[in-house]
Amino acid sequence: MFTLAKETPGTEERTVTLRLHHDEDAEVFLNGVPVAREPRWTTGYVELPLSPEAVAALRNGRNVLAIHCRQNNGGQYVDAGLVEYVHPR
């Protein structure tokens, strides 16, 4: 769970991505909206752009990022977060 501060309108363009490092199969949801289904594993962090539906699911105040990671063989780990990039116009 995380809290998103109220956004102030500006002239910049914004891009939101999911930053994910996992072993093994991972499913990620943002406020109940599917964000990613990534098979197998990663050897480092990857950034995946959020769909317009996932970005629209973000709300001011409380949000929930839920992750399911399935163990198939060997070790297991998962780490994820959202990254916002601001592009001045």
N, C-alpha and C. Protein backbone atom coordinates (compact mmCIF):
# COMPACT_ATOMS: atom_id res chain seq x y z
N MET A 1 0.84 -1.15 0.00
CA MET A 1 0.00 0.00 0.00
C MET A 1 0.90 1.23 0.00
N PHE A 2 0.49 2.29 -0.72
CA PHE A 2 1.23 3.55 -0.73
C PHE A 2 0.24 4.69 -0.91
N THR A 3 0.67 5.87 -0.52
CA THR A 3 -0.16 7.06 -0.63
C THR A 3 0.40 7.96 -1.72
N LEU A 4 -0.48 8.38 -2.60
CA LEU A 4 -0.10 9.27 -3.69
C LEU A 4 -0.60 10.66 -3.35
N ALA A 5 0.33 11.62 -3.32
CA ALA A 5 -0.04 13.01 -3.03
C ALA A 5 -0.82 13.59 -4.20
N LYS A 6 -1.69 14.52 -3.90
CA LYS A 6 -2.49 15.16 -4.93
C LYS A 6 -1.56 15.85 -5.93
N GLU A 7 -1.79 15.59 -7.20
CA GLU A 7 -0.95 16.14 -8.26
C GLU A 7 -1.33 17.58 -8.56
N THR A 8 -0.30 18.42 -8.73
CA THR A 8 -0.57 19.81 -9.11
C THR A 8 -0.50 19.90 -10.63
N PRO A 9 -1.48 20.55 -11.24
CA PRO A 9 -1.45 20.66 -12.69
C PRO A 9 -0.21 21.40 -13.15
N GLY A 10 0.39 20.91 -14.21
CA GLY A 10 1.58 21.55 -14.77
C GLY A 10 1.59 21.37 -16.27
N THR A 11 2.63 21.86 -16.88
CA THR A 11 2.72 21.75 -18.34
C THR A 11 3.59 20.58 -18.76
N GLU A 12 4.14 19.87 -17.79
CA GLU A 12 5.02 18.77 -18.15
C GLU A 12 4.22 17.51 -18.50
N GLU A 13 4.86 16.66 -19.27
CA GLU A 13 4.29 15.36 -19.64
C GLU A 13 4.86 14.33 -18.67
N ARG A 14 4.04 13.35 -18.27
CA ARG A 14 4.48 12.36 -17.29
C ARG A 14 4.32 10.94 -17.84
N THR A 15 5.29 10.10 -17.49
CA THR A 15 5.25 8.69 -17.85
C THR A 15 5.43 7.88 -16.57
N VAL A 16 4.60 6.86 -16.38
CA VAL A 16 4.71 6.00 -15.20
C VAL A 16 5.07 4.60 -15.67
N THR A 17 6.07 4.00 -15.01
CA THR A 17 6.49 2.64 -15.35
C THR A 17 6.50 1.78 -14.09
N LEU A 18 6.45 0.49 -14.30
CA LEU A 18 6.61 -0.49 -13.22
C LEU A 18 8.06 -0.94 -13.26
N ARG A 19 8.75 -0.84 -12.13
CA ARG A 19 10.13 -1.34 -12.03
C ARG A 19 10.05 -2.66 -11.28
N LEU A 20 10.55 -3.74 -11.92
CA LEU A 20 10.33 -5.09 -11.40
C LEU A 20 11.59 -5.94 -11.50
N HIS A 21 11.85 -6.70 -10.44
CA HIS A 21 12.93 -7.70 -10.41
C HIS A 21 12.32 -8.93 -9.75
N HIS A 22 12.30 -10.06 -10.46
CA HIS A 22 11.56 -11.21 -9.91
C HIS A 22 12.15 -12.55 -10.32
N ASP A 23 11.83 -13.57 -9.50
CA ASP A 23 12.16 -14.97 -9.76
C ASP A 23 11.12 -15.78 -8.98
N GLU A 24 10.13 -16.35 -9.56
CA GLU A 24 9.95 -16.57 -10.98
C GLU A 24 8.70 -15.85 -11.45
N ASP A 25 7.74 -16.58 -12.02
CA ASP A 25 6.57 -15.96 -12.65
C ASP A 25 5.92 -14.92 -11.73
N ALA A 26 5.71 -13.71 -12.26
CA ALA A 26 5.15 -12.62 -11.45
C ALA A 26 3.92 -12.02 -12.11
N GLU A 27 2.91 -11.73 -11.29
CA GLU A 27 1.71 -11.01 -11.73
C GLU A 27 1.58 -9.79 -10.83
N VAL A 28 1.34 -8.64 -11.44
CA VAL A 28 1.28 -7.39 -10.68
C VAL A 28 -0.05 -6.69 -10.97
N PHE A 29 -0.69 -6.18 -9.90
CA PHE A 29 -1.97 -5.48 -10.00
C PHE A 29 -1.87 -4.14 -9.29
N LEU A 30 -2.49 -3.12 -9.85
CA LEU A 30 -2.54 -1.79 -9.25
C LEU A 30 -4.00 -1.45 -9.00
N ASN A 31 -4.40 -1.38 -7.75
CA ASN A 31 -5.80 -1.14 -7.39
C ASN A 31 -6.74 -2.09 -8.13
N GLY A 32 -6.32 -3.35 -8.24
CA GLY A 32 -7.16 -4.38 -8.86
C GLY A 32 -7.04 -4.48 -10.37
N VAL A 33 -6.30 -3.56 -10.99
CA VAL A 33 -6.14 -3.58 -12.45
C VAL A 33 -4.84 -4.31 -12.79
N PRO A 34 -4.90 -5.32 -13.70
CA PRO A 34 -3.66 -6.01 -14.07
C PRO A 34 -2.66 -5.05 -14.71
N VAL A 35 -1.42 -5.10 -14.22
CA VAL A 35 -0.37 -4.23 -14.73
C VAL A 35 0.64 -5.03 -15.55
N ALA A 36 1.00 -6.23 -15.06
CA ALA A 36 2.01 -7.03 -15.76
C ALA A 36 1.85 -8.50 -15.40
N ARG A 37 2.16 -9.33 -16.37
CA ARG A 37 2.31 -10.78 -16.16
C ARG A 37 3.61 -11.16 -16.83
N GLU A 38 4.61 -11.37 -16.00
CA GLU A 38 5.96 -11.63 -16.51
C GLU A 38 6.38 -13.05 -16.18
N PRO A 39 6.65 -13.86 -17.20
CA PRO A 39 7.07 -15.24 -16.97
C PRO A 39 8.55 -15.32 -16.61
N ARG A 40 8.92 -16.45 -16.13
CA ARG A 40 10.31 -16.80 -15.83
C ARG A 40 10.91 -15.88 -14.78
N TRP A 41 12.07 -15.29 -15.06
CA TRP A 41 12.76 -14.47 -14.07
C TRP A 41 13.56 -13.37 -14.76
N THR A 42 14.05 -12.44 -13.95
CA THR A 42 14.93 -11.40 -14.47
C THR A 42 16.25 -11.49 -13.72
N THR A 43 17.31 -11.04 -14.34
CA THR A 43 18.63 -11.02 -13.68
C THR A 43 18.95 -9.63 -13.14
N GLY A 44 18.03 -8.71 -13.34
CA GLY A 44 18.16 -7.35 -12.84
C GLY A 44 16.80 -6.68 -12.96
N TYR A 45 16.74 -5.41 -12.61
CA TYR A 45 15.48 -4.67 -12.71
C TYR A 45 15.13 -4.38 -14.16
N VAL A 46 13.84 -4.49 -14.48
CA VAL A 46 13.33 -4.10 -15.79
C VAL A 46 12.24 -3.06 -15.55
N GLU A 47 12.06 -2.17 -16.52
CA GLU A 47 10.99 -1.18 -16.42
C GLU A 47 9.97 -1.45 -17.51
N LEU A 48 8.72 -1.56 -17.10
CA LEU A 48 7.62 -1.86 -18.00
C LEU A 48 6.65 -0.69 -18.00
N PRO A 49 6.32 -0.11 -19.16
CA PRO A 49 5.38 1.00 -19.19
C PRO A 49 4.00 0.54 -18.74
N LEU A 50 3.29 1.40 -18.02
CA LEU A 50 1.93 1.09 -17.59
C LEU A 50 0.96 1.39 -18.73
N SER A 51 -0.05 0.56 -18.85
CA SER A 51 -1.11 0.79 -19.83
C SER A 51 -1.92 2.01 -19.41
N PRO A 52 -2.65 2.64 -20.33
CA PRO A 52 -3.52 3.76 -19.95
C PRO A 52 -4.53 3.37 -18.87
N GLU A 53 -5.01 2.11 -18.89
CA GLU A 53 -5.96 1.64 -17.87
C GLU A 53 -5.30 1.60 -16.49
N ALA A 54 -4.04 1.17 -16.45
CA ALA A 54 -3.33 1.10 -15.17
C ALA A 54 -3.04 2.50 -14.64
N VAL A 55 -2.65 3.42 -15.50
CA VAL A 55 -2.40 4.80 -15.07
C VAL A 55 -3.70 5.42 -14.54
N ALA A 56 -4.82 5.14 -15.22
CA ALA A 56 -6.12 5.67 -14.79
C ALA A 56 -6.54 5.10 -13.44
N ALA A 57 -6.00 3.92 -13.06
CA ALA A 57 -6.35 3.31 -11.77
C ALA A 57 -5.68 4.01 -10.60
N LEU A 58 -4.61 4.78 -10.85
CA LEU A 58 -3.96 5.53 -9.78
C LEU A 58 -4.92 6.59 -9.25
N ARG A 59 -4.96 6.75 -7.94
CA ARG A 59 -5.86 7.76 -7.38
C ARG A 59 -5.13 8.53 -6.28
N ASN A 60 -5.58 9.74 -6.05
CA ASN A 60 -5.02 10.52 -4.94
C ASN A 60 -5.33 9.79 -3.65
N GLY A 61 -4.36 9.77 -2.75
CA GLY A 61 -4.55 9.07 -1.49
C GLY A 61 -4.03 7.64 -1.55
N ARG A 62 -4.76 6.73 -0.94
CA ARG A 62 -4.32 5.34 -0.77
C ARG A 62 -4.45 4.52 -2.05
N ASN A 63 -3.38 3.78 -2.39
CA ASN A 63 -3.33 2.87 -3.53
C ASN A 63 -2.73 1.55 -3.08
N VAL A 64 -3.04 0.49 -3.81
CA VAL A 64 -2.51 -0.84 -3.47
C VAL A 64 -1.82 -1.43 -4.69
N LEU A 65 -0.56 -1.80 -4.52
CA LEU A 65 0.21 -2.53 -5.53
C LEU A 65 0.32 -3.96 -5.00
N ALA A 66 -0.34 -4.91 -5.69
CA ALA A 66 -0.36 -6.31 -5.24
C ALA A 66 0.46 -7.15 -6.20
N ILE A 67 1.24 -8.09 -5.66
CA ILE A 67 2.12 -8.91 -6.48
C ILE A 67 1.96 -10.37 -6.07
N HIS A 68 1.86 -11.22 -7.08
CA HIS A 68 1.87 -12.67 -6.86
C HIS A 68 3.07 -13.21 -7.61
N CYS A 69 3.95 -13.92 -6.91
CA CYS A 69 5.15 -14.49 -7.52
C CYS A 69 5.14 -15.99 -7.25
N ARG A 70 5.19 -16.79 -8.31
CA ARG A 70 5.08 -18.25 -8.16
C ARG A 70 6.46 -18.89 -8.25
N GLN A 71 6.76 -19.73 -7.28
CA GLN A 71 8.03 -20.45 -7.23
C GLN A 71 7.92 -21.74 -8.03
N ASN A 72 8.79 -21.91 -9.03
CA ASN A 72 8.82 -23.14 -9.82
C ASN A 72 10.05 -23.99 -9.52
N ASN A 73 11.19 -23.31 -9.27
CA ASN A 73 12.42 -24.05 -9.05
C ASN A 73 13.47 -23.10 -8.48
N GLY A 74 14.32 -23.58 -7.58
CA GLY A 74 15.41 -22.75 -7.06
C GLY A 74 14.93 -21.67 -6.12
N GLY A 75 15.71 -20.58 -6.08
CA GLY A 75 15.42 -19.47 -5.17
C GLY A 75 14.21 -18.66 -5.61
N GLN A 76 13.77 -17.75 -4.75
CA GLN A 76 12.62 -16.92 -5.09
C GLN A 76 12.80 -15.54 -4.51
N TYR A 77 12.44 -14.52 -5.29
CA TYR A 77 12.44 -13.14 -4.81
C TYR A 77 11.55 -12.31 -5.69
N VAL A 78 11.10 -11.18 -5.15
CA VAL A 78 10.33 -10.21 -5.94
C VAL A 78 10.51 -8.84 -5.29
N ASP A 79 10.72 -7.84 -6.13
CA ASP A 79 10.79 -6.46 -5.69
C ASP A 79 10.18 -5.62 -6.80
N ALA A 80 9.35 -4.66 -6.43
CA ALA A 80 8.68 -3.85 -7.44
C ALA A 80 8.36 -2.47 -6.90
N GLY A 81 8.20 -1.54 -7.81
CA GLY A 81 7.81 -0.19 -7.44
C GLY A 81 7.37 0.56 -8.69
N LEU A 82 6.78 1.71 -8.48
CA LEU A 82 6.37 2.56 -9.60
C LEU A 82 7.35 3.72 -9.71
N VAL A 83 7.67 4.09 -10.95
CA VAL A 83 8.58 5.20 -11.21
C VAL A 83 7.85 6.20 -12.10
N GLU A 84 7.91 7.47 -11.72
CA GLU A 84 7.29 8.51 -12.54
C GLU A 84 8.40 9.37 -13.15
N TYR A 85 8.36 9.51 -14.47
CA TYR A 85 9.29 10.39 -15.17
C TYR A 85 8.54 11.64 -15.60
N VAL A 86 9.13 12.80 -15.36
CA VAL A 86 8.52 14.07 -15.75
C VAL A 86 9.33 14.64 -16.90
N HIS A 87 8.65 14.91 -18.01
CA HIS A 87 9.29 15.42 -19.22
C HIS A 87 8.82 16.85 -19.45
N PRO A 88 9.69 17.84 -19.24
CA PRO A 88 9.27 19.23 -19.50
C PRO A 88 8.95 19.42 -20.98
N ARG A 89 7.96 20.25 -21.25
CA ARG A 89 7.61 20.53 -22.66
C ARG A 89 8.38 21.70 -23.18
